[in-house]
Amino acid sequence: MFGTHDSALFVLSGLLLNVTPGPDTLYIVGRSTTQGWRAGAVAALGIGAGIFVHIVAAAAGLSALLAASASAFMVVKLAGAAYPSRRYSFRGSSPTC
């Protein structure tokens, strides 16, 4: 089992995972290169806002509620699936955002 003597290894692993580019980094770079730095900045702010909402929901106990209740999890899944279809139904066939 890991103890307090392994905390340096934990911190090093956490730092390496944080600096590794992921899909959000690739999305920001793609938006910046194709549409300019303002679109990249908006994408970065949008990702940051989404992460903030996720952190607040986790701190409020939403994760524990969804893990305990299958019906609450289903409601969140259906709402998440309905959002893009509702959002893009009022626009043309190709979304701009």
C-alpha atoms as a PDB file:
ATOM      1  CA  MET A   1       0.000   0.000   0.000  1.00  0.00           C
ATOM      2  CA  PHE A   2       1.164   3.543  -0.675  1.00  0.00           C
ATOM      3  CA  GLY A   3       2.074   5.741   2.272  1.00  0.00           C
ATOM      4  CA  THR A   4       3.161   9.298   2.882  1.00  0.00           C
ATOM      5  CA  HIS A   5       6.645   8.495   1.605  1.00  0.00           C
ATOM      6  CA  ASP A   6       5.116   8.123  -1.873  1.00  0.00           C
ATOM      7  CA  SER A   7       3.602  11.622  -1.970  1.00  0.00           C
ATOM      8  CA  ALA A   8       6.452  12.955  -4.129  1.00  0.00           C
ATOM      9  CA  LEU A   9       5.697  10.267  -6.684  1.00  0.00           C
ATOM     10  CA  PHE A  10       2.006  11.212  -6.552  1.00  0.00           C
ATOM     11  CA  VAL A  11       2.758  14.915  -7.080  1.00  0.00           C
ATOM     12  CA  LEU A  12       5.125  14.138  -9.963  1.00  0.00           C
ATOM     13  CA  SER A  13       2.519  11.901 -11.608  1.00  0.00           C
ATOM     14  CA  GLY A  14      -0.137  14.589 -11.194  1.00  0.00           C
ATOM     15  CA  LEU A  15       2.083  17.231 -12.762  1.00  0.00           C
ATOM     16  CA  LEU A  16       2.901  14.993 -15.726  1.00  0.00           C
ATOM     17  CA  LEU A  17      -0.771  14.284 -16.312  1.00  0.00           C
ATOM     18  CA  ASN A  18      -1.592  17.990 -16.155  1.00  0.00           C
ATOM     19  CA  VAL A  19       0.980  19.029 -18.754  1.00  0.00           C
ATOM     20  CA  THR A  20       0.099  16.221 -21.174  1.00  0.00           C
ATOM     21  CA  PRO A  21      -2.049  17.650 -23.975  1.00  0.00           C
ATOM     22  CA  GLY A  22      -5.480  16.143 -24.274  1.00  0.00           C
ATOM     23  CA  PRO A  23      -8.537  16.588 -26.467  1.00  0.00           C
ATOM     24  CA  ASP A  24      -9.301  20.024 -25.030  1.00  0.00           C
ATOM     25  CA  THR A  25      -5.827  21.261 -25.944  1.00  0.00           C
ATOM     26  CA  LEU A  26      -6.178  19.891 -29.443  1.00  0.00           C
ATOM     27  CA  TYR A  27      -9.586  21.575 -29.760  1.00  0.00           C
ATOM     28  CA  ILE A  28      -8.174  24.948 -28.678  1.00  0.00           C
ATOM     29  CA  VAL A  29      -5.193  24.644 -31.016  1.00  0.00           C
ATOM     30  CA  GLY A  30      -7.472  23.619 -33.898  1.00  0.00           C
ATOM     31  CA  ARG A  31      -9.828  26.546 -33.339  1.00  0.00           C
ATOM     32  CA  SER A  32      -6.912  28.961 -33.015  1.00  0.00           C
ATOM     33  CA  THR A  33      -5.198  27.836 -36.184  1.00  0.00           C
ATOM     34  CA  THR A  34      -8.317  27.768 -38.345  1.00  0.00           C
ATOM     35  CA  GLN A  35     -10.249  30.758 -36.967  1.00  0.00           C
ATOM     36  CA  GLY A  36      -7.716  32.928 -35.183  1.00  0.00           C
ATOM     37  CA  TRP A  37      -6.660  33.680 -31.657  1.00  0.00           C
ATOM     38  CA  ARG A  38     -10.033  35.071 -30.578  1.00  0.00           C
ATOM     39  CA  ALA A  39     -11.813  31.823 -31.424  1.00  0.00           C
ATOM     40  CA  GLY A  40      -9.093  29.961 -29.542  1.00  0.00           C
ATOM     41  CA  ALA A  41      -9.541  32.219 -26.534  1.00  0.00           C
ATOM     42  CA  VAL A  42     -13.307  31.696 -26.593  1.00  0.00           C
ATOM     43  CA  ALA A  43     -12.757  27.925 -26.816  1.00  0.00           C
ATOM     44  CA  ALA A  44     -10.363  28.035 -23.859  1.00  0.00           C
ATOM     45  CA  LEU A  45     -12.802  30.099 -21.803  1.00  0.00           C
ATOM     46  CA  GLY A  46     -15.621  27.701 -22.694  1.00  0.00           C
ATOM     47  CA  ILE A  47     -13.591  24.689 -21.617  1.00  0.00           C
ATOM     48  CA  GLY A  48     -12.629  26.483 -18.406  1.00  0.00           C
ATOM     49  CA  ALA A  49     -16.279  27.299 -17.693  1.00  0.00           C
ATOM     50  CA  GLY A  50     -17.265  23.680 -18.292  1.00  0.00           C
ATOM     51  CA  ILE A  51     -14.576  22.459 -15.921  1.00  0.00           C
ATOM     52  CA  PHE A  52     -15.741  24.968 -13.307  1.00  0.00           C
ATOM     53  CA  VAL A  53     -19.346  23.727 -13.582  1.00  0.00           C
ATOM     54  CA  HIS A  54     -18.132  20.139 -13.227  1.00  0.00           C
ATOM     55  CA  ILE A  55     -16.110  21.015 -10.115  1.00  0.00           C
ATOM     56  CA  VAL A  56     -19.053  22.837  -8.520  1.00  0.00           C
ATOM     57  CA  ALA A  57     -21.394  19.922  -9.291  1.00  0.00           C
ATOM     58  CA  ALA A  58     -18.937  17.439  -7.799  1.00  0.00           C
ATOM     59  CA  ALA A  59     -18.475  19.580  -4.710  1.00  0.00           C
ATOM     60  CA  ALA A  60     -22.246  19.838  -4.298  1.00  0.00           C
ATOM     61  CA  GLY A  61     -22.528  16.047  -4.257  1.00  0.00           C
ATOM     62  CA  LEU A  62     -24.031  15.508  -7.694  1.00  0.00           C
ATOM     63  CA  SER A  63     -21.558  12.702  -8.416  1.00  0.00           C
ATOM     64  CA  ALA A  64     -22.649  10.781  -5.316  1.00  0.00           C
ATOM     65  CA  LEU A  65     -26.317  11.307  -6.191  1.00  0.00           C
ATOM     66  CA  LEU A  66     -25.835  10.057  -9.748  1.00  0.00           C
ATOM     67  CA  ALA A  67     -23.861   7.052  -8.527  1.00  0.00           C
ATOM     68  CA  ALA A  68     -26.612   6.145  -6.049  1.00  0.00           C
ATOM     69  CA  SER A  69     -29.688   6.775  -8.215  1.00  0.00           C
ATOM     70  CA  ALA A  70     -30.077   5.143 -11.602  1.00  0.00           C
ATOM     71  CA  SER A  71     -33.119   7.270 -12.443  1.00  0.00           C
ATOM     72  CA  ALA A  72     -31.264  10.539 -11.696  1.00  0.00           C
ATOM     73  CA  PHE A  73     -28.403   9.345 -13.885  1.00  0.00           C
ATOM     74  CA  MET A  74     -30.855   8.564 -16.696  1.00  0.00           C
ATOM     75  CA  VAL A  75     -32.379  12.063 -16.439  1.00  0.00           C
ATOM     76  CA  VAL A  76     -28.929  13.655 -16.747  1.00  0.00           C
ATOM     77  CA  LYS A  77     -28.055  11.402 -19.700  1.00  0.00           C
ATOM     78  CA  LEU A  78     -31.261  12.269 -21.533  1.00  0.00           C
ATOM     79  CA  ALA A  79     -30.826  15.992 -20.853  1.00  0.00           C
ATOM     80  CA  GLY A  80     -27.271  15.790 -22.161  1.00  0.00           C
ATOM     81  CA  ALA A  81     -28.433  14.007 -25.302  1.00  0.00           C
ATOM     82  CA  ALA A  82     -31.293  16.449 -25.879  1.00  0.00           C
ATOM     83  CA  TYR A  83     -29.160  19.590 -25.546  1.00  0.00           C
ATOM     84  CA  PRO A  84     -27.266  19.352 -28.863  1.00  0.00           C
ATOM     85  CA  SER A  85     -30.326  18.353 -30.840  1.00  0.00           C
ATOM     86  CA  ARG A  86     -32.310  21.271 -29.437  1.00  0.00           C
ATOM     87  CA  ARG A  87     -29.450  23.698 -29.878  1.00  0.00           C
ATOM     88  CA  TYR A  88     -28.754  22.830 -33.497  1.00  0.00           C
ATOM     89  CA  SER A  89     -32.381  22.438 -34.552  1.00  0.00           C
ATOM     90  CA  PHE A  90     -32.804  26.231 -34.706  1.00  0.00           C
ATOM     91  CA  ARG A  91     -29.745  26.713 -36.911  1.00  0.00           C
ATOM     92  CA  GLY A  92     -28.795  25.473 -40.309  1.00  0.00           C
ATOM     93  CA  SER A  93     -27.379  22.052 -40.975  1.00  0.00           C
ATOM     94  CA  SER A  94     -23.844  23.007 -39.907  1.00  0.00           C
ATOM     95  CA  PRO A  95     -23.270  24.353 -36.383  1.00  0.00           C
ATOM     96  CA  THR A  96     -20.943  27.331 -36.090  1.00  0.00           C
ATOM     97  CA  CYS A  97     -20.072  26.932 -32.405  1.00  0.00           C
END
